[in-house]
């Protein structure tokens, strides 16, 4: 949820910020893709809820692409129009967390199959390692 912190640890973030549009918080996120591919960008709504499950807190985050005139498409950047994320985080009762995530996006454009295969085999696991490290290093509130 902390977009400023995400910009610190995620090397693929080119732009990331939230803006109010029509009474809703809308996130703009531009992602750096490797040469020779075009960068992608996302415009999406997200919600956060804290639930109680058998006496433990479960944090649920929902995100889904949207289209608003305040974020027109940029030349040279491919807009990801199909994006959906569902995330639930619960303490494991010790020093860790259980994380359940559903993620889908259609990056659009022409992406070679070798790159899709690389991303599935290496990119996603490496991203999850980076995210876990970022969570461990997140500044504690005092």
N, C-alpha and C. Protein backbone atom coordinates (compact mmCIF):
# COMPACT_ATOMS: atom_id res chain seq x y z
N UNK A 1 0.82 -1.21 0.00
CA UNK A 1 0.00 0.00 0.00
C UNK A 1 0.86 1.27 0.00
N UNK A 2 2.10 1.14 0.41
CA UNK A 2 3.01 2.29 0.51
C UNK A 2 3.73 2.48 -0.83
N UNK A 3 3.17 3.33 -1.66
CA UNK A 3 3.70 3.52 -3.01
C UNK A 3 5.10 4.13 -3.01
N UNK A 4 5.37 5.05 -2.07
CA UNK A 4 6.70 5.65 -2.01
C UNK A 4 7.75 4.60 -1.67
N UNK A 5 7.43 3.68 -0.77
CA UNK A 5 8.38 2.62 -0.43
C UNK A 5 8.57 1.67 -1.61
N UNK A 6 7.50 1.39 -2.34
CA UNK A 6 7.60 0.51 -3.51
C UNK A 6 8.61 1.07 -4.51
N UNK A 7 8.61 2.39 -4.68
CA UNK A 7 9.56 3.02 -5.61
C UNK A 7 11.01 2.83 -5.17
N UNK A 8 11.23 2.63 -3.87
CA UNK A 8 12.59 2.45 -3.36
C UNK A 8 13.14 1.06 -3.65
N UNK A 9 12.29 0.03 -3.56
CA UNK A 9 12.82 -1.33 -3.67
C UNK A 9 12.55 -2.01 -5.00
N UNK A 10 11.59 -1.52 -5.77
CA UNK A 10 11.23 -2.18 -7.04
C UNK A 10 11.92 -1.47 -8.20
N UNK A 11 12.94 -2.10 -8.75
CA UNK A 11 13.75 -1.50 -9.81
C UNK A 11 12.98 -1.29 -11.12
N UNK A 12 11.80 -1.89 -11.25
CA UNK A 12 11.04 -1.79 -12.49
C UNK A 12 10.02 -0.66 -12.48
N UNK A 13 9.87 0.03 -11.36
CA UNK A 13 8.92 1.15 -11.28
C UNK A 13 9.54 2.37 -11.95
N UNK A 14 8.81 2.90 -12.94
CA UNK A 14 9.25 4.14 -13.58
C UNK A 14 8.47 5.32 -13.00
N UNK A 15 7.16 5.13 -12.83
CA UNK A 15 6.29 6.12 -12.19
C UNK A 15 5.27 5.36 -11.36
N UNK A 16 4.90 5.92 -10.21
CA UNK A 16 3.90 5.29 -9.36
C UNK A 16 3.35 6.32 -8.40
N UNK A 17 2.06 6.59 -8.50
CA UNK A 17 1.43 7.54 -7.60
C UNK A 17 -0.09 7.34 -7.61
N UNK A 18 -0.73 7.94 -6.62
CA UNK A 18 -2.18 7.85 -6.46
C UNK A 18 -2.78 9.23 -6.64
N UNK A 19 -3.95 9.28 -7.27
CA UNK A 19 -4.63 10.55 -7.52
C UNK A 19 -6.14 10.32 -7.35
N UNK A 20 -6.80 11.29 -6.76
CA UNK A 20 -8.25 11.16 -6.59
C UNK A 20 -8.95 11.53 -7.90
N UNK A 21 -9.82 10.66 -8.35
CA UNK A 21 -10.59 10.87 -9.58
C UNK A 21 -12.04 10.50 -9.30
N UNK A 22 -12.92 11.46 -9.44
CA UNK A 22 -14.35 11.21 -9.23
C UNK A 22 -14.63 10.58 -7.86
N UNK A 23 -13.92 11.05 -6.83
CA UNK A 23 -14.15 10.57 -5.48
C UNK A 23 -13.50 9.23 -5.16
N UNK A 24 -12.71 8.68 -6.09
CA UNK A 24 -12.04 7.40 -5.85
C UNK A 24 -10.54 7.58 -5.98
N UNK A 25 -9.80 6.82 -5.19
CA UNK A 25 -8.34 6.83 -5.28
C UNK A 25 -7.93 5.92 -6.43
N UNK A 26 -7.27 6.51 -7.42
CA UNK A 26 -6.83 5.77 -8.60
C UNK A 26 -5.30 5.77 -8.62
N UNK A 27 -4.72 4.60 -8.90
CA UNK A 27 -3.26 4.46 -8.93
C UNK A 27 -2.79 4.44 -10.38
N UNK A 28 -1.72 5.21 -10.65
CA UNK A 28 -1.03 5.15 -11.93
C UNK A 28 0.33 4.50 -11.69
N UNK A 29 0.65 3.49 -12.52
CA UNK A 29 1.89 2.73 -12.35
C UNK A 29 2.49 2.47 -13.71
N UNK A 30 3.69 3.01 -13.97
CA UNK A 30 4.39 2.74 -15.21
C UNK A 30 5.56 1.82 -14.90
N UNK A 31 5.67 0.74 -15.68
CA UNK A 31 6.66 -0.30 -15.45
C UNK A 31 7.70 -0.29 -16.57
N UNK A 32 8.98 -0.33 -16.18
CA UNK A 32 10.07 -0.41 -17.15
C UNK A 32 10.18 -1.85 -17.66
N UNK A 33 10.09 -2.01 -18.96
CA UNK A 33 10.30 -3.31 -19.60
C UNK A 33 11.68 -3.32 -20.24
N UNK A 34 12.29 -4.48 -20.38
CA UNK A 34 13.63 -4.53 -20.97
C UNK A 34 13.60 -4.21 -22.47
N UNK A 35 14.68 -3.58 -22.95
CA UNK A 35 14.82 -3.31 -24.37
C UNK A 35 14.75 -4.63 -25.13
N UNK A 36 14.09 -4.74 -26.22
CA UNK A 36 13.50 -3.71 -27.07
C UNK A 36 12.00 -3.53 -26.85
N UNK A 37 11.47 -4.04 -25.74
CA UNK A 37 10.03 -3.96 -25.49
C UNK A 37 9.64 -2.57 -25.00
N UNK A 38 8.39 -2.21 -25.25
CA UNK A 38 7.85 -0.93 -24.76
C UNK A 38 7.45 -1.06 -23.30
N UNK A 39 7.60 0.03 -22.55
CA UNK A 39 7.13 0.07 -21.17
C UNK A 39 5.62 -0.14 -21.16
N UNK A 40 5.11 -0.58 -20.02
CA UNK A 40 3.67 -0.76 -19.82
C UNK A 40 3.24 0.19 -18.71
N UNK A 41 1.94 0.58 -18.77
CA UNK A 41 1.39 1.32 -17.63
C UNK A 41 0.02 0.78 -17.26
N UNK A 42 -0.33 1.03 -16.00
CA UNK A 42 -1.56 0.53 -15.40
C UNK A 42 -2.28 1.71 -14.77
N UNK A 43 -3.59 1.70 -14.88
CA UNK A 43 -4.45 2.63 -14.15
C UNK A 43 -5.46 1.75 -13.43
N UNK A 44 -5.46 1.82 -12.10
CA UNK A 44 -6.32 0.88 -11.39
C UNK A 44 -6.83 1.45 -10.07
N UNK A 45 -7.94 0.85 -9.65
CA UNK A 45 -8.54 1.13 -8.34
C UNK A 45 -8.04 0.07 -7.38
N UNK A 46 -7.84 0.45 -6.13
CA UNK A 46 -7.51 -0.56 -5.13
C UNK A 46 -8.24 -0.26 -3.83
N UNK A 47 -8.54 -1.32 -3.13
CA UNK A 47 -9.22 -1.22 -1.84
C UNK A 47 -8.48 -2.09 -0.84
N UNK A 48 -8.51 -1.68 0.40
CA UNK A 48 -7.90 -2.45 1.48
C UNK A 48 -8.93 -2.63 2.58
N UNK A 49 -9.04 -3.84 3.07
CA UNK A 49 -9.94 -4.15 4.18
C UNK A 49 -9.17 -4.97 5.21
N UNK A 50 -9.50 -4.74 6.46
CA UNK A 50 -8.94 -5.56 7.53
C UNK A 50 -10.08 -6.40 8.08
N UNK A 51 -9.93 -7.71 8.00
CA UNK A 51 -10.97 -8.63 8.46
C UNK A 51 -10.50 -9.37 9.70
N UNK A 52 -11.45 -9.89 10.45
CA UNK A 52 -11.13 -10.71 11.61
C UNK A 52 -11.50 -12.14 11.26
N UNK A 53 -10.52 -13.05 11.30
CA UNK A 53 -10.76 -14.45 11.00
C UNK A 53 -10.27 -15.27 12.18
N UNK A 54 -11.21 -15.83 12.93
CA UNK A 54 -10.89 -16.65 14.10
C UNK A 54 -9.92 -15.94 15.04
N UNK A 55 -10.19 -14.65 15.27
CA UNK A 55 -9.40 -13.87 16.21
C UNK A 55 -8.11 -13.30 15.65
N UNK A 56 -7.82 -13.56 14.40
CA UNK A 56 -6.61 -13.01 13.78
C UNK A 56 -6.99 -12.02 12.68
N UNK A 57 -6.16 -10.99 12.52
CA UNK A 57 -6.40 -10.02 11.47
C UNK A 57 -5.95 -10.58 10.12
N UNK A 58 -6.78 -10.36 9.12
CA UNK A 58 -6.44 -10.69 7.74
C UNK A 58 -6.56 -9.41 6.94
N UNK A 59 -5.48 -9.04 6.27
CA UNK A 59 -5.48 -7.84 5.44
C UNK A 59 -5.77 -8.27 4.01
N UNK A 60 -6.81 -7.70 3.43
CA UNK A 60 -7.23 -8.04 2.07
C UNK A 60 -7.08 -6.80 1.19
N UNK A 61 -6.41 -6.98 0.06
CA UNK A 61 -6.23 -5.89 -0.89
C UNK A 61 -6.76 -6.34 -2.24
N UNK A 62 -7.61 -5.53 -2.81
CA UNK A 62 -8.20 -5.81 -4.12
C UNK A 62 -7.80 -4.69 -5.07
N UNK A 63 -7.40 -5.06 -6.27
CA UNK A 63 -7.03 -4.06 -7.28
C UNK A 63 -7.57 -4.51 -8.62
N UNK A 64 -8.03 -3.53 -9.40
CA UNK A 64 -8.58 -3.85 -10.72
C UNK A 64 -8.43 -2.65 -11.64
N UNK A 65 -8.07 -2.94 -12.89
CA UNK A 65 -7.86 -1.86 -13.86
C UNK A 65 -9.14 -1.06 -14.06
N UNK A 66 -8.95 0.21 -14.40
CA UNK A 66 -10.05 1.10 -14.68
C UNK A 66 -9.61 2.06 -15.78
N UNK A 67 -10.53 2.84 -16.26
CA UNK A 67 -10.21 3.84 -17.26
C UNK A 67 -10.84 5.16 -16.82
N UNK A 68 -10.01 6.19 -16.68
CA UNK A 68 -10.50 7.52 -16.32
C UNK A 68 -9.81 8.54 -17.22
N UNK A 69 -10.51 9.60 -17.59
CA UNK A 69 -9.91 10.59 -18.50
C UNK A 69 -8.70 11.31 -17.91
N UNK A 70 -8.55 11.31 -16.58
CA UNK A 70 -7.40 11.99 -15.95
C UNK A 70 -6.07 11.29 -16.28
N UNK A 71 -6.14 10.05 -16.78
CA UNK A 71 -4.93 9.30 -17.13
C UNK A 71 -5.01 8.83 -18.58
N UNK A 72 -4.79 9.73 -19.53
CA UNK A 72 -4.82 9.31 -20.93
C UNK A 72 -3.60 8.43 -21.24
N UNK A 73 -3.71 7.63 -22.29
CA UNK A 73 -2.59 6.79 -22.70
C UNK A 73 -1.44 7.66 -23.20
N UNK A 74 -0.22 7.17 -22.95
CA UNK A 74 0.99 7.90 -23.34
C UNK A 74 1.58 7.27 -24.60
N UNK A 75 2.13 8.09 -25.45
CA UNK A 75 2.80 7.61 -26.65
C UNK A 75 4.02 6.78 -26.26
N UNK A 76 4.19 5.63 -26.89
CA UNK A 76 5.35 4.78 -26.62
C UNK A 76 5.21 3.87 -25.42
N UNK A 77 4.09 3.96 -24.70
CA UNK A 77 3.82 3.13 -23.53
C UNK A 77 2.53 2.35 -23.79
N UNK A 78 2.56 1.04 -23.57
CA UNK A 78 1.39 0.21 -23.79
C UNK A 78 0.55 0.15 -22.52
N UNK A 79 -0.71 0.53 -22.63
CA UNK A 79 -1.63 0.51 -21.48
C UNK A 79 -2.12 -0.91 -21.24
N UNK A 80 -1.93 -1.41 -20.03
CA UNK A 80 -2.46 -2.71 -19.63
C UNK A 80 -3.91 -2.48 -19.22
N UNK A 81 -4.82 -3.00 -20.03
CA UNK A 81 -6.24 -2.73 -19.81
C UNK A 81 -6.93 -3.84 -19.02
N UNK A 82 -6.27 -4.99 -18.91
CA UNK A 82 -6.83 -6.11 -18.16
C UNK A 82 -5.86 -6.45 -17.02
N UNK A 83 -6.20 -6.00 -15.82
CA UNK A 83 -5.37 -6.22 -14.64
C UNK A 83 -6.28 -6.47 -13.46
N UNK A 84 -5.93 -7.50 -12.68
CA UNK A 84 -6.72 -7.82 -11.49
C UNK A 84 -5.79 -8.48 -10.48
N UNK A 85 -5.90 -8.04 -9.23
CA UNK A 85 -5.11 -8.64 -8.16
C UNK A 85 -5.98 -8.80 -6.93
N UNK A 86 -5.85 -9.95 -6.27
CA UNK A 86 -6.51 -10.24 -5.02
C UNK A 86 -5.44 -10.75 -4.06
N UNK A 87 -5.32 -10.12 -2.90
CA UNK A 87 -4.25 -10.45 -1.97
C UNK A 87 -4.81 -10.54 -0.56
N UNK A 88 -4.44 -11.59 0.15
CA UNK A 88 -4.81 -11.74 1.56
C UNK A 88 -3.54 -12.07 2.34
N UNK A 89 -3.33 -11.35 3.44
CA UNK A 89 -2.14 -11.55 4.27
C UNK A 89 -2.59 -11.78 5.71
N UNK A 90 -2.09 -12.85 6.31
CA UNK A 90 -2.44 -13.19 7.69
C UNK A 90 -1.18 -13.62 8.43
N UNK A 91 -1.05 -13.22 9.67
CA UNK A 91 0.07 -13.66 10.49
C UNK A 91 0.02 -15.18 10.62
N UNK A 92 1.20 -15.79 10.65
CA UNK A 92 1.23 -17.24 10.88
C UNK A 92 1.23 -17.56 12.38
N UNK A 93 1.12 -16.51 13.21
CA UNK A 93 1.11 -16.71 14.66
C UNK A 93 2.50 -16.74 15.26
N UNK A 94 3.51 -16.65 14.42
CA UNK A 94 4.90 -16.67 14.90
C UNK A 94 5.56 -15.38 14.42
N UNK A 95 6.57 -15.52 13.55
CA UNK A 95 7.29 -14.35 13.06
C UNK A 95 7.06 -14.12 11.56
N UNK A 96 6.13 -14.84 10.98
CA UNK A 96 5.92 -14.74 9.54
C UNK A 96 4.49 -14.47 9.18
N UNK A 97 4.22 -14.59 7.91
CA UNK A 97 2.87 -14.35 7.40
C UNK A 97 2.51 -15.39 6.36
N UNK A 98 1.24 -15.63 6.25
CA UNK A 98 0.70 -16.44 5.15
C UNK A 98 0.19 -15.44 4.12
N UNK A 99 0.57 -15.63 2.88
CA UNK A 99 0.17 -14.72 1.83
C UNK A 99 -0.51 -15.53 0.73
N UNK A 100 -1.70 -15.09 0.36
CA UNK A 100 -2.45 -15.71 -0.73
C UNK A 100 -2.66 -14.64 -1.79
N UNK A 101 -2.24 -14.95 -3.04
CA UNK A 101 -2.36 -13.93 -4.07
C UNK A 101 -2.87 -14.53 -5.37
N UNK A 102 -3.84 -13.84 -5.96
CA UNK A 102 -4.29 -14.12 -7.31
C UNK A 102 -3.91 -12.89 -8.12
N UNK A 103 -3.24 -13.10 -9.25
CA UNK A 103 -2.78 -11.98 -10.07
C UNK A 103 -3.00 -12.32 -11.53
N UNK A 104 -3.56 -11.38 -12.27
CA UNK A 104 -3.72 -11.54 -13.71
C UNK A 104 -3.50 -10.19 -14.38
N UNK A 105 -2.71 -10.21 -15.44
CA UNK A 105 -2.73 -9.06 -16.34
C UNK A 105 -2.41 -9.53 -17.75
N UNK A 106 -2.93 -8.81 -18.69
CA UNK A 106 -2.67 -9.05 -20.10
C UNK A 106 -1.78 -7.90 -20.55
N UNK A 107 -0.47 -8.14 -20.70
CA UNK A 107 0.44 -7.04 -20.99
C UNK A 107 0.28 -6.43 -22.38
N UNK A 108 -0.46 -7.08 -23.25
CA UNK A 108 -0.69 -6.53 -24.59
C UNK A 108 0.58 -6.49 -25.42
N UNK A 109 0.45 -6.06 -26.65
CA UNK A 109 1.60 -5.96 -27.52
C UNK A 109 2.12 -7.32 -27.94
N UNK A 110 3.26 -7.32 -28.57
CA UNK A 110 3.90 -8.54 -29.04
C UNK A 110 5.09 -8.87 -28.14
N UNK A 111 4.91 -9.85 -27.27
CA UNK A 111 6.00 -10.27 -26.38
C UNK A 111 6.45 -11.65 -26.83
N UNK A 112 7.74 -11.80 -27.16
CA UNK A 112 8.23 -13.11 -27.62
C UNK A 112 8.02 -14.20 -26.58
N UNK A 113 7.75 -15.41 -27.05
CA UNK A 113 7.48 -16.53 -26.13
C UNK A 113 8.67 -16.81 -25.22
N UNK A 114 9.91 -16.58 -25.69
CA UNK A 114 11.07 -16.82 -24.84
C UNK A 114 11.05 -15.91 -23.62
N UNK A 115 10.55 -14.66 -23.81
CA UNK A 115 10.50 -13.73 -22.69
C UNK A 115 9.39 -14.09 -21.72
N UNK A 116 8.26 -14.54 -22.25
CA UNK A 116 7.16 -15.00 -21.39
C UNK A 116 7.65 -16.18 -20.54
N UNK A 117 8.36 -17.11 -21.17
CA UNK A 117 8.88 -18.27 -20.44
C UNK A 117 9.90 -17.85 -19.38
N UNK A 118 10.78 -16.90 -19.73
CA UNK A 118 11.77 -16.42 -18.76
C UNK A 118 11.07 -15.78 -17.56
N UNK A 119 10.05 -14.95 -17.85
CA UNK A 119 9.33 -14.25 -16.77
C UNK A 119 8.66 -15.26 -15.84
N UNK A 120 8.06 -16.31 -16.42
CA UNK A 120 7.39 -17.31 -15.58
C UNK A 120 8.39 -18.09 -14.73
N UNK A 121 9.56 -18.39 -15.32
CA UNK A 121 10.54 -19.21 -14.62
C UNK A 121 11.42 -18.41 -13.67
N UNK A 122 11.81 -17.20 -14.05
CA UNK A 122 12.77 -16.41 -13.27
C UNK A 122 12.21 -15.10 -12.73
N UNK A 123 11.51 -14.36 -13.58
CA UNK A 123 11.06 -13.02 -13.21
C UNK A 123 10.11 -13.01 -12.02
N UNK A 124 9.11 -13.86 -12.05
CA UNK A 124 8.13 -13.88 -10.96
C UNK A 124 8.77 -14.34 -9.64
N UNK A 125 9.51 -15.46 -9.63
CA UNK A 125 10.16 -15.86 -8.37
C UNK A 125 11.13 -14.80 -7.84
N UNK A 126 11.89 -14.15 -8.74
CA UNK A 126 12.81 -13.10 -8.30
C UNK A 126 12.06 -11.91 -7.72
N UNK A 127 10.94 -11.55 -8.35
CA UNK A 127 10.13 -10.45 -7.82
C UNK A 127 9.62 -10.80 -6.42
N UNK A 128 9.14 -12.02 -6.24
CA UNK A 128 8.62 -12.42 -4.93
C UNK A 128 9.71 -12.39 -3.86
N UNK A 129 10.94 -12.76 -4.23
CA UNK A 129 12.06 -12.66 -3.29
C UNK A 129 12.33 -11.20 -2.93
N UNK A 130 12.31 -10.32 -3.95
CA UNK A 130 12.52 -8.89 -3.70
C UNK A 130 11.42 -8.34 -2.79
N UNK A 131 10.18 -8.76 -3.04
CA UNK A 131 9.06 -8.28 -2.24
C UNK A 131 9.18 -8.77 -0.79
N UNK A 132 9.56 -10.02 -0.61
CA UNK A 132 9.72 -10.55 0.75
C UNK A 132 10.81 -9.78 1.49
N UNK A 133 11.92 -9.50 0.81
CA UNK A 133 13.01 -8.73 1.43
C UNK A 133 12.54 -7.32 1.77
N UNK A 134 11.76 -6.70 0.87
CA UNK A 134 11.24 -5.36 1.12
C UNK A 134 10.32 -5.36 2.34
N UNK A 135 9.51 -6.40 2.48
CA UNK A 135 8.62 -6.49 3.64
C UNK A 135 9.43 -6.60 4.93
N UNK A 136 10.48 -7.40 4.90
CA UNK A 136 11.32 -7.57 6.09
C UNK A 136 12.03 -6.28 6.46
N UNK A 137 12.37 -5.48 5.45
CA UNK A 137 13.11 -4.23 5.68
C UNK A 137 12.21 -3.01 5.82
N UNK A 138 10.90 -3.21 5.80
CA UNK A 138 9.99 -2.07 5.87
C UNK A 138 10.18 -1.36 7.21
N UNK A 139 10.33 -0.03 7.17
CA UNK A 139 10.55 0.71 8.43
C UNK A 139 9.40 0.50 9.41
N UNK A 140 9.74 0.10 10.62
CA UNK A 140 8.72 -0.09 11.66
C UNK A 140 8.23 1.26 12.15
N UNK A 141 6.93 1.33 12.40
CA UNK A 141 6.35 2.56 12.97
C UNK A 141 6.70 2.63 14.44
N UNK A 142 6.98 3.83 14.89
CA UNK A 142 7.32 3.98 16.32
C UNK A 142 6.17 4.59 17.08
